[in-house]
Amino acid sequence: MELKLMMEKLGAPQTHLGLKSMIKEVDEDFDGKLSFREFLLIFRKAAAGELQQESGLMALAKLSEIDVALEGVKGAKDFFEAKVQALAAASKFEAELKAEQEERKREEEKRRLRRAAFRELKAAFST
């Protein structure tokens, strides 16, 4: 519902199916909802050119740009300050993702070592 209202306020209203496809495009945990991380992912994918051109997400990403001639210098300043904060949050997001991936690798390595130790003990008792 929030995404629908936001898209309407940005002047790019979407149908229910359009909203569902937008969410599906970035829904990493497959819960049918957009978390803050997934919301930030919209802009990362847009910057990397990974979004479909006709998708509502690309429209959302494009709506986050500003026309200084129209908004004025103060509006542009506010816009870019908000962008800097968003980039800082995205960097934090990337760091959290890397930390999670490293933790998964460490856990997998521990599992592998426990299995190897178990196999050695099993072999010792089998003979």
C-alpha atoms as a PDB file:
ATOM      1  CA  MET A   1       0.000   0.000   0.000  1.00  0.00           C
ATOM      2  CA  GLU A   2       2.847   2.389   0.841  1.00  0.00           C
ATOM      3  CA  LEU A   3       4.540   1.747  -2.489  1.00  0.00           C
ATOM      4  CA  LYS A   4       1.274   2.461  -4.297  1.00  0.00           C
ATOM      5  CA  LEU A   5       0.846   5.770  -2.466  1.00  0.00           C
ATOM      6  CA  MET A   6       4.456   6.749  -3.060  1.00  0.00           C
ATOM      7  CA  MET A   7       4.216   6.021  -6.787  1.00  0.00           C
ATOM      8  CA  GLU A   8       0.994   8.048  -6.991  1.00  0.00           C
ATOM      9  CA  LYS A   9       2.593  10.995  -5.177  1.00  0.00           C
ATOM     10  CA  LEU A  10       5.577  10.826  -7.537  1.00  0.00           C
ATOM     11  CA  GLY A  11       3.200  11.041 -10.479  1.00  0.00           C
ATOM     12  CA  ALA A  12       3.751   7.479 -11.714  1.00  0.00           C
ATOM     13  CA  PRO A  13       0.707   5.513 -10.494  1.00  0.00           C
ATOM     14  CA  GLN A  14       0.831   1.745 -10.897  1.00  0.00           C
ATOM     15  CA  THR A  15      -1.771  -1.000 -11.101  1.00  0.00           C
ATOM     16  CA  HIS A  16      -1.885  -3.757  -8.500  1.00  0.00           C
ATOM     17  CA  LEU A  17      -0.159  -6.137 -10.938  1.00  0.00           C
ATOM     18  CA  GLY A  18       2.421  -3.477 -11.783  1.00  0.00           C
ATOM     19  CA  LEU A  19       3.228  -3.049  -8.087  1.00  0.00           C
ATOM     20  CA  LYS A  20       3.532  -6.817  -7.623  1.00  0.00           C
ATOM     21  CA  SER A  21       5.951  -7.082 -10.548  1.00  0.00           C
ATOM     22  CA  MET A  22       7.955  -4.147  -9.179  1.00  0.00           C
ATOM     23  CA  ILE A  23       8.283  -5.862  -5.817  1.00  0.00           C
ATOM     24  CA  LYS A  24       9.132  -9.204  -7.426  1.00  0.00           C
ATOM     25  CA  GLU A  25      11.991  -7.602  -9.363  1.00  0.00           C
ATOM     26  CA  VAL A  26      13.926  -6.758  -6.161  1.00  0.00           C
ATOM     27  CA  ASP A  27      12.389  -9.082  -3.546  1.00  0.00           C
ATOM     28  CA  GLU A  28      15.473 -10.958  -2.359  1.00  0.00           C
ATOM     29  CA  ASP A  29      13.832 -12.788   0.537  1.00  0.00           C
ATOM     30  CA  PHE A  30      10.677 -13.673  -1.442  1.00  0.00           C
ATOM     31  CA  ASP A  31       8.295 -12.388   1.230  1.00  0.00           C
ATOM     32  CA  GLY A  32       6.280 -10.261  -1.197  1.00  0.00           C
ATOM     33  CA  LYS A  33       7.273  -7.077   0.625  1.00  0.00           C
ATOM     34  CA  LEU A  34       9.973  -4.449   0.164  1.00  0.00           C
ATOM     35  CA  SER A  35      12.395  -4.112   3.042  1.00  0.00           C
ATOM     36  CA  PHE A  36      14.568  -1.027   3.333  1.00  0.00           C
ATOM     37  CA  ARG A  37      17.486  -2.969   1.861  1.00  0.00           C
ATOM     38  CA  GLU A  38      15.384  -4.043  -1.115  1.00  0.00           C
ATOM     39  CA  PHE A  39      14.209  -0.442  -1.584  1.00  0.00           C
ATOM     40  CA  LEU A  40      17.835   0.699  -1.752  1.00  0.00           C
ATOM     41  CA  LEU A  41      18.529  -2.132  -4.164  1.00  0.00           C
ATOM     42  CA  ILE A  42      16.170  -0.455  -6.653  1.00  0.00           C
ATOM     43  CA  PHE A  43      18.562   2.463  -7.001  1.00  0.00           C
ATOM     44  CA  ARG A  44      21.679   0.253  -7.095  1.00  0.00           C
ATOM     45  CA  LYS A  45      20.169  -1.816  -9.894  1.00  0.00           C
ATOM     46  CA  ALA A  46      19.079   1.315 -11.751  1.00  0.00           C
ATOM     47  CA  ALA A  47      22.587   2.757 -11.550  1.00  0.00           C
ATOM     48  CA  ALA A  48      24.040  -0.542 -12.794  1.00  0.00           C
ATOM     49  CA  GLY A  49      21.504  -0.739 -15.645  1.00  0.00           C
ATOM     50  CA  GLU A  50      20.010  -3.974 -14.299  1.00  0.00           C
ATOM     51  CA  LEU A  51      16.356  -2.842 -14.299  1.00  0.00           C
ATOM     52  CA  GLN A  52      13.982  -3.374 -17.189  1.00  0.00           C
ATOM     53  CA  GLN A  53      13.432  -0.081 -19.022  1.00  0.00           C
ATOM     54  CA  GLU A  54       9.648  -0.398 -18.991  1.00  0.00           C
ATOM     55  CA  SER A  55       9.411  -1.393 -15.325  1.00  0.00           C
ATOM     56  CA  GLY A  56       7.882   0.830 -12.695  1.00  0.00           C
ATOM     57  CA  LEU A  57      11.111   0.571 -10.750  1.00  0.00           C
ATOM     58  CA  MET A  58      13.018   2.299 -13.533  1.00  0.00           C
ATOM     59  CA  ALA A  59      10.367   5.032 -13.476  1.00  0.00           C
ATOM     60  CA  LEU A  60      10.861   5.324  -9.718  1.00  0.00           C
ATOM     61  CA  ALA A  61      14.630   5.560 -10.096  1.00  0.00           C
ATOM     62  CA  LYS A  62      14.301   8.229 -12.783  1.00  0.00           C
ATOM     63  CA  LEU A  63      11.922  10.210 -10.605  1.00  0.00           C
ATOM     64  CA  SER A  64      14.695  10.584  -8.057  1.00  0.00           C
ATOM     65  CA  GLU A  65      16.569  13.011 -10.319  1.00  0.00           C
ATOM     66  CA  ILE A  66      16.255  16.796 -10.043  1.00  0.00           C
ATOM     67  CA  ASP A  67      16.085  19.696 -12.476  1.00  0.00           C
ATOM     68  CA  VAL A  68      18.039  22.570 -10.896  1.00  0.00           C
ATOM     69  CA  ALA A  69      16.464  25.094 -13.246  1.00  0.00           C
ATOM     70  CA  LEU A  70      13.049  24.056 -12.012  1.00  0.00           C
ATOM     71  CA  GLU A  71      13.794  23.413  -8.333  1.00  0.00           C
ATOM     72  CA  GLY A  72      16.422  26.080  -7.714  1.00  0.00           C
ATOM     73  CA  VAL A  73      19.734  25.823  -5.941  1.00  0.00           C
ATOM     74  CA  LYS A  74      18.257  25.220  -2.468  1.00  0.00           C
ATOM     75  CA  GLY A  75      16.103  22.383  -3.798  1.00  0.00           C
ATOM     76  CA  ALA A  76      19.141  20.893  -5.534  1.00  0.00           C
ATOM     77  CA  LYS A  77      21.208  21.244  -2.354  1.00  0.00           C
ATOM     78  CA  ASP A  78      18.548  19.413  -0.346  1.00  0.00           C
ATOM     79  CA  PHE A  79      18.289  16.775  -3.051  1.00  0.00           C
ATOM     80  CA  PHE A  80      22.028  16.112  -3.153  1.00  0.00           C
ATOM     81  CA  GLU A  81      22.322  16.063   0.628  1.00  0.00           C
ATOM     82  CA  ALA A  82      19.602  13.431   0.663  1.00  0.00           C
ATOM     83  CA  LYS A  83      21.459  11.524  -2.086  1.00  0.00           C
ATOM     84  CA  VAL A  84      24.685  11.600  -0.029  1.00  0.00           C
ATOM     85  CA  GLN A  85      22.815  10.185   2.954  1.00  0.00           C
ATOM     86  CA  ALA A  86      21.284   7.502   0.729  1.00  0.00           C
ATOM     87  CA  LEU A  87      24.717   6.608  -0.677  1.00  0.00           C
ATOM     88  CA  ALA A  88      26.127   6.371   2.826  1.00  0.00           C
ATOM     89  CA  ALA A  89      23.255   4.077   3.756  1.00  0.00           C
ATOM     90  CA  ALA A  90      23.886   2.038   0.587  1.00  0.00           C
ATOM     91  CA  SER A  91      27.562   1.689   1.522  1.00  0.00           C
ATOM     92  CA  LYS A  92      26.533   0.511   4.962  1.00  0.00           C
ATOM     93  CA  PHE A  93      24.087  -1.872   3.286  1.00  0.00           C
ATOM     94  CA  GLU A  94      26.866  -3.282   1.081  1.00  0.00           C
ATOM     95  CA  ALA A  95      29.144  -3.688   4.090  1.00  0.00           C
ATOM     96  CA  GLU A  96      26.394  -5.556   5.945  1.00  0.00           C
ATOM     97  CA  LEU A  97      25.839  -7.814   2.946  1.00  0.00           C
ATOM     98  CA  LYS A  98      29.557  -8.595   2.711  1.00  0.00           C
ATOM     99  CA  ALA A  99      29.704  -9.296   6.434  1.00  0.00           C
ATOM    100  CA  GLU A 100      26.756 -11.682   6.122  1.00  0.00           C
ATOM    101  CA  GLN A 101      28.377 -13.451   3.179  1.00  0.00           C
ATOM    102  CA  GLU A 102      31.669 -13.799   5.069  1.00  0.00           C
ATOM    103  CA  GLU A 103      29.815 -15.160   8.089  1.00  0.00           C
ATOM    104  CA  ARG A 104      28.099 -17.752   5.877  1.00  0.00           C
ATOM    105  CA  LYS A 105      31.489 -18.749   4.436  1.00  0.00           C
ATOM    106  CA  ARG A 106      32.956 -19.125   7.941  1.00  0.00           C
ATOM    107  CA  GLU A 107      29.981 -21.236   9.032  1.00  0.00           C
ATOM    108  CA  GLU A 108      30.309 -23.428   5.938  1.00  0.00           C
ATOM    109  CA  GLU A 109      34.042 -23.860   6.592  1.00  0.00           C
ATOM    110  CA  LYS A 110      33.329 -24.847  10.212  1.00  0.00           C
ATOM    111  CA  ARG A 111      30.735 -27.354   8.989  1.00  0.00           C
ATOM    112  CA  ARG A 112      33.213 -28.772   6.488  1.00  0.00           C
ATOM    113  CA  LEU A 113      35.907 -29.137   9.170  1.00  0.00           C
ATOM    114  CA  ARG A 114      33.462 -30.820  11.592  1.00  0.00           C
ATOM    115  CA  ARG A 115      32.447 -33.292   8.879  1.00  0.00           C
ATOM    116  CA  ALA A 116      36.084 -34.056   8.082  1.00  0.00           C
ATOM    117  CA  ALA A 117      36.846 -34.594  11.793  1.00  0.00           C
ATOM    118  CA  PHE A 118      33.802 -36.843  12.099  1.00  0.00           C
ATOM    119  CA  ARG A 119      34.903 -38.892   9.092  1.00  0.00           C
ATOM    120  CA  GLU A 120      38.366 -39.343  10.644  1.00  0.00           C
ATOM    121  CA  LEU A 121      36.836 -40.519  13.922  1.00  0.00           C
ATOM    122  CA  LYS A 122      34.463 -42.809  12.069  1.00  0.00           C
ATOM    123  CA  ALA A 123      37.346 -44.274  10.097  1.00  0.00           C
ATOM    124  CA  ALA A 124      39.346 -44.796  13.310  1.00  0.00           C
ATOM    125  CA  PHE A 125      36.483 -46.695  14.962  1.00  0.00           C
ATOM    126  CA  SER A 126      35.620 -48.663  11.814  1.00  0.00           C
ATOM    127  CA  THR A 127      39.010 -50.328  11.556  1.00  0.00           C
END
